Amino acid sequence: MASSKYKASDRVKIVSNSLQPQFQDKTGKIKKVYASFNDNDAEEREFFYRVEVDGVVLKGIARESDLKPV
């Protein structure tokens, strides 16, 4: 089974955020991890993340490509 790259409380840098560009290049922490569902193949799951920056939980979700580890 596939596993997420990041876990809750991991610190990350936001490298892309078109919904809230003021948070791009900021450092935050993962608040929650969501897995996508694929009935055909559990290995093809994609993971999405809720991120908090300075006490503010960002709108929407981030993909792994939107984040990098700190």
N, C-alpha and C. Protein backbone atom coordinates (compact mmCIF):
# COMPACT_ATOMS: atom_id res chain seq x y z
N MET A 1 0.83 -1.18 0.00
CA MET A 1 0.00 0.00 0.00
C MET A 1 0.89 1.25 0.00
N ALA A 2 0.50 2.24 -0.75
CA ALA A 2 1.26 3.48 -0.84
C ALA A 2 1.16 4.24 0.48
N SER A 3 2.20 5.00 0.80
CA SER A 3 2.17 5.83 2.00
C SER A 3 2.51 7.26 1.64
N SER A 4 2.04 8.18 2.46
CA SER A 4 2.24 9.60 2.17
C SER A 4 3.69 10.01 2.41
N LYS A 5 4.12 11.01 1.68
CA LYS A 5 5.47 11.53 1.83
C LYS A 5 5.61 12.30 3.15
N TYR A 6 4.54 12.98 3.54
CA TYR A 6 4.55 13.78 4.77
C TYR A 6 3.53 13.22 5.76
N LYS A 7 3.78 13.45 7.03
CA LYS A 7 2.89 13.06 8.12
C LYS A 7 2.43 14.31 8.86
N ALA A 8 1.36 14.20 9.64
CA ALA A 8 0.89 15.32 10.45
C ALA A 8 2.03 15.83 11.32
N SER A 9 2.15 17.12 11.42
CA SER A 9 3.17 17.86 12.19
C SER A 9 4.50 18.01 11.48
N ASP A 10 4.68 17.41 10.30
CA ASP A 10 5.92 17.64 9.53
C ASP A 10 5.99 19.10 9.10
N ARG A 11 7.19 19.65 9.14
CA ARG A 11 7.39 21.03 8.68
C ARG A 11 7.71 21.00 7.18
N VAL A 12 7.07 21.92 6.45
CA VAL A 12 7.23 21.97 5.00
C VAL A 12 7.32 23.41 4.53
N LYS A 13 7.92 23.58 3.36
CA LYS A 13 7.93 24.88 2.69
C LYS A 13 6.92 24.81 1.56
N ILE A 14 6.11 25.84 1.43
CA ILE A 14 5.10 25.89 0.37
C ILE A 14 5.77 26.47 -0.87
N VAL A 15 5.89 25.67 -1.91
CA VAL A 15 6.55 26.12 -3.13
C VAL A 15 5.55 26.58 -4.20
N SER A 16 4.28 26.23 -4.01
CA SER A 16 3.25 26.63 -4.96
C SER A 16 1.92 26.75 -4.24
N ASN A 17 1.22 27.88 -4.44
CA ASN A 17 -0.11 28.06 -3.85
C ASN A 17 -0.84 29.13 -4.67
N SER A 18 -1.57 28.70 -5.69
CA SER A 18 -2.28 29.65 -6.55
C SER A 18 -3.51 30.24 -5.87
N LEU A 19 -4.09 29.53 -4.89
CA LEU A 19 -5.28 30.01 -4.20
C LEU A 19 -4.94 31.13 -3.20
N GLN A 20 -3.82 31.00 -2.54
CA GLN A 20 -3.37 32.01 -1.56
C GLN A 20 -1.88 32.29 -1.80
N PRO A 21 -1.57 33.06 -2.82
CA PRO A 21 -0.15 33.28 -3.18
C PRO A 21 0.67 33.98 -2.10
N GLN A 22 0.04 34.64 -1.17
CA GLN A 22 0.79 35.30 -0.09
C GLN A 22 1.49 34.30 0.82
N PHE A 23 1.11 33.01 0.75
CA PHE A 23 1.75 31.98 1.57
C PHE A 23 2.85 31.22 0.83
N GLN A 24 3.02 31.51 -0.45
CA GLN A 24 4.08 30.84 -1.20
C GLN A 24 5.44 31.20 -0.63
N ASP A 25 6.32 30.24 -0.54
CA ASP A 25 7.67 30.37 0.02
C ASP A 25 7.69 30.48 1.55
N LYS A 26 6.55 30.32 2.19
CA LYS A 26 6.49 30.32 3.66
C LYS A 26 6.65 28.90 4.18
N THR A 27 7.02 28.79 5.44
CA THR A 27 7.16 27.50 6.10
C THR A 27 5.96 27.28 7.00
N GLY A 28 5.44 26.05 6.96
CA GLY A 28 4.29 25.70 7.80
C GLY A 28 4.40 24.26 8.25
N LYS A 29 3.30 23.75 8.80
CA LYS A 29 3.31 22.36 9.22
C LYS A 29 2.05 21.67 8.71
N ILE A 30 2.18 20.39 8.48
CA ILE A 30 1.06 19.58 8.00
C ILE A 30 0.07 19.41 9.14
N LYS A 31 -1.19 19.75 8.90
CA LYS A 31 -2.23 19.57 9.90
C LYS A 31 -2.96 18.25 9.72
N LYS A 32 -3.21 17.87 8.46
CA LYS A 32 -3.96 16.64 8.19
C LYS A 32 -3.56 16.10 6.84
N VAL A 33 -3.59 14.78 6.72
CA VAL A 33 -3.25 14.08 5.47
C VAL A 33 -4.50 13.35 4.99
N TYR A 34 -4.82 13.53 3.71
CA TYR A 34 -5.96 12.85 3.08
C TYR A 34 -5.43 11.97 1.96
N ALA A 35 -5.95 10.76 1.88
CA ALA A 35 -5.59 9.86 0.77
C ALA A 35 -6.72 9.84 -0.24
N SER A 36 -6.36 9.83 -1.53
CA SER A 36 -7.37 9.66 -2.56
C SER A 36 -7.77 8.19 -2.59
N PHE A 37 -8.86 7.90 -3.23
CA PHE A 37 -9.34 6.52 -3.30
C PHE A 37 -9.33 6.05 -4.74
N ASN A 38 -8.83 4.86 -4.94
CA ASN A 38 -8.82 4.23 -6.25
C ASN A 38 -9.22 2.77 -6.04
N ASP A 39 -10.41 2.44 -6.42
CA ASP A 39 -10.91 1.08 -6.21
C ASP A 39 -10.09 0.03 -6.95
N ASN A 40 -9.45 0.40 -8.03
CA ASN A 40 -8.72 -0.55 -8.85
C ASN A 40 -7.32 -0.86 -8.34
N ASP A 41 -6.66 0.13 -7.73
CA ASP A 41 -5.27 -0.09 -7.34
C ASP A 41 -4.90 0.82 -6.16
N ALA A 42 -4.73 0.23 -4.99
CA ALA A 42 -4.39 1.00 -3.80
C ALA A 42 -3.01 1.63 -3.91
N GLU A 43 -2.14 1.10 -4.77
CA GLU A 43 -0.79 1.65 -4.93
C GLU A 43 -0.81 2.98 -5.68
N GLU A 44 -1.89 3.30 -6.36
CA GLU A 44 -1.95 4.53 -7.14
C GLU A 44 -2.60 5.68 -6.38
N ARG A 45 -2.67 5.55 -5.07
CA ARG A 45 -3.25 6.63 -4.27
C ARG A 45 -2.39 7.88 -4.36
N GLU A 46 -3.08 9.01 -4.31
CA GLU A 46 -2.40 10.30 -4.22
C GLU A 46 -2.76 10.88 -2.86
N PHE A 47 -1.86 11.64 -2.28
CA PHE A 47 -2.10 12.20 -0.96
C PHE A 47 -2.20 13.71 -1.05
N PHE A 48 -3.09 14.26 -0.23
CA PHE A 48 -3.33 15.69 -0.18
C PHE A 48 -3.16 16.15 1.26
N TYR A 49 -2.80 17.42 1.43
CA TYR A 49 -2.41 17.90 2.75
C TYR A 49 -3.09 19.21 3.09
N ARG A 50 -3.48 19.36 4.36
CA ARG A 50 -3.90 20.65 4.91
C ARG A 50 -2.67 21.20 5.62
N VAL A 51 -2.38 22.46 5.37
CA VAL A 51 -1.15 23.07 5.90
C VAL A 51 -1.51 24.30 6.74
N GLU A 52 -0.80 24.45 7.84
CA GLU A 52 -0.97 25.61 8.72
C GLU A 52 0.30 26.46 8.68
N VAL A 53 0.12 27.78 8.53
CA VAL A 53 1.24 28.73 8.55
C VAL A 53 0.92 29.81 9.58
N ASP A 54 1.78 29.96 10.56
CA ASP A 54 1.61 30.99 11.60
C ASP A 54 0.22 30.97 12.21
N GLY A 55 -0.30 29.78 12.50
CA GLY A 55 -1.60 29.65 13.15
C GLY A 55 -2.80 29.72 12.22
N VAL A 56 -2.57 29.91 10.92
CA VAL A 56 -3.65 29.98 9.93
C VAL A 56 -3.64 28.71 9.09
N VAL A 57 -4.77 28.00 9.08
CA VAL A 57 -4.88 26.82 8.22
C VAL A 57 -5.27 27.32 6.83
N LEU A 58 -4.44 26.99 5.85
CA LEU A 58 -4.67 27.48 4.50
C LEU A 58 -5.93 26.90 3.89
N LYS A 59 -6.56 27.66 3.00
CA LYS A 59 -7.74 27.20 2.28
C LYS A 59 -7.33 26.12 1.29
N GLY A 60 -8.21 25.19 1.07
CA GLY A 60 -7.93 24.15 0.09
C GLY A 60 -6.92 23.13 0.60
N ILE A 61 -6.41 22.36 -0.34
CA ILE A 61 -5.46 21.31 -0.02
C ILE A 61 -4.21 21.47 -0.87
N ALA A 62 -3.13 20.89 -0.41
CA ALA A 62 -1.87 20.93 -1.15
C ALA A 62 -1.53 19.52 -1.63
N ARG A 63 -0.91 19.44 -2.79
CA ARG A 63 -0.37 18.17 -3.29
C ARG A 63 1.09 18.10 -2.89
N GLU A 64 1.67 16.91 -3.02
CA GLU A 64 3.10 16.77 -2.70
C GLU A 64 3.95 17.72 -3.53
N SER A 65 3.56 17.96 -4.78
CA SER A 65 4.33 18.84 -5.66
C SER A 65 4.28 20.30 -5.21
N ASP A 66 3.34 20.67 -4.34
CA ASP A 66 3.22 22.03 -3.83
C ASP A 66 4.11 22.28 -2.61
N LEU A 67 4.71 21.21 -2.08
CA LEU A 67 5.46 21.28 -0.83
C LEU A 67 6.86 20.70 -0.98
N LYS A 68 7.74 21.12 -0.08
CA LYS A 68 9.04 20.44 0.02
C LYS A 68 9.42 20.41 1.49
N PRO A 69 10.17 19.39 1.90
CA PRO A 69 10.52 19.26 3.32
C PRO A 69 11.47 20.36 3.78
N VAL A 70 11.37 20.68 5.05
CA VAL A 70 12.25 21.69 5.66
C VAL A 70 13.25 20.98 6.54
